[in-house]
Amino acid sequence: MAEVRTPTQDELDALPVDRRVELLELERQRHDRVRDLAESRTERRRQGRHQWINSGVLLIGAVLAGGSLLATAATLRTGQDELRTAKEGQVTDRYTKAVEQLGSGKREVRTAAVYALERIAVDSPRDRLTVRDVLAAFVREHDPAPRVRAAALPEEPDTDVAAALTVLSRRPTDPPTTSSLDLHEIRIPRNFFPNGAKLGGANLSGADLRGANLSIADLRGTNLSGADLREADLNRANLQETNLSRVKLNGAGLRGVDLSRKDLSNVNLHRADLTGVDLSAANLTGADLTGADLSGANLFGARLEGVSLRGVRLRGATLRGAPLYGAPLRDTDLNGADLRDADLGRADLRDASLLKTDLRYAHLSGAKLRGADLRGANLKGVDFEFSEEEIREVAVVDDYTTFG
C-alpha cells in the first residue's frame, strides 16, 4: 500500500477554501476515530479486569458454599445414623418387651403382645420374618397338646392364639426365597381366619383346621398334606399348586375353587360342596365322593377309577367321556348332566334321575336301568344291550325322550 503523505502548509494554502475545510474535517474525523479506538481498548481492559475479579469472587464463594454443603451433609448423615441407631434401639426394646409378654400367665397380656409384635413388623420390615417365626412358634406351643383327644378340643381357639393366627394371615406375602411359615400339625379347629387370609406357601401339613373359615384364602403352594379340613369353608380359595394329598375334606365348602388337574386321589370328599367346581383332568382315583354335591361341576377328562359316588349329586355336571364303567349311581341326581360318550357300561343307574340328560353316544351296555327316570333324555346313538321297548318297560320315559 502507498504511503499517505501529509500536505505542506504551502500546498494547503494553495488550495481553495472549501477544499481546505474538507481536508480539515477529514483530519478531525481521523483524530476522533483514533481517540475512540484508544478509549475502547482502555474500556475492554477495564472490563476484563472486572470479569477476572468477579470470577475469582464467584469461585471463592462456590468453594466456600461447597465446603458448607459438605459439612452440612456430613452433619446430616451423622444425624441420620444417630436417629437410625436410636430407632433400632427402640425397636429392639419393644421387641424384647413383647416377647417377654408372650410368656405372661395372663391371656390379655399375651394377646396385647401379639399385636405389639405386629406393629413392630410394620415399623421394621427387616424384622418381619423374625416376628413371623416367633408368632408361629407361639401358636405351635399354645395349641392343645397332642394328648388331648380331637373330640375334647375346645369349640374355638383361645383369644391369644386366634390373634396370632389373624396377624400371621394378614401380613405381607413372604419373598419367594424365604423359608415357609411353619404351622405344621397345629390343632386349631373352628378358627375364623379373616377373609382372604394370606397363607400361601405355608406348611400346614397335618394341621387340624376342622370348621375353619378359609373363604377366599390365598393357599397357593401351601402344604396341606394330611390336614383335617372337615366342614371347613374353602369357598373361592386359591388352591393353585397346593399339596392336598391325604387331606380330609368331608363336608368342606369348595364352591368356586379351581381343582383342575389336581391330584385328589384317595381324598375324602364325603358330603363336600363342590357345586360348580372345575375338576377337569383332575385325578380322583379312589376318592370318596359319597353324598357330595357336584351340581354344575366340570369333570371332563377327570380320572374316576374306583371313585365312591353313592348318593352324589351330579345335576348339570359335565361328564363327557367319563370312565364310569360299573359305577354305583343308584338314586343319583344326574338331571341335565352332559354324559355324551361316557362309559356307563354295567353302571348301576337304578332309580337314578336323568331328566333331560344328554347321553348321546354313551356306552350303556349291561347298565341297570330299572326305575331310572329318562324323561326328556337324549339317547341318540347310545350303545344298549336291549331294545327301545325293553327300556320303556324298565325305565321312566316320555314323549320327549329321544331314541335312535
Foldseek 3Di string as FASTA:
>chain_A
DDDDDDDDPVVLVPDDPVVNVVVVVVVVVVVVVVVVVVVVVVVVVVVVVVVVVVVVVVVVVVVVVVVVVVVVVVVVVVVVVVVVVVVVVVLVVLLVVLLVQCPDPDLVSVQVSLVSLLVSCVVDVVCVVVNLQSLLVSQQVPADDPVQDLVRHDPFDDPNSLSSQQSNFPDDDDPPVDAARENDLGEGELREHPEQGERALHEHDNYEHAQYEQDQHAHHNYEHANYEHELYEDDNHECHNYHCHNYEHDQYEHHNYECDQPECDQYEHHQYECDLYEHDLYEHHLYEDHLYEHDNYEHHNYACHNYQCHNYEHHQYEQDQNAQDQHAQDQYEHDNYEHDQHEDDLHEHALYEHHLYEHALYEHENYHAAAYEQELYEHHNYHYPDDPVVNVVRYHYDPNYHYD
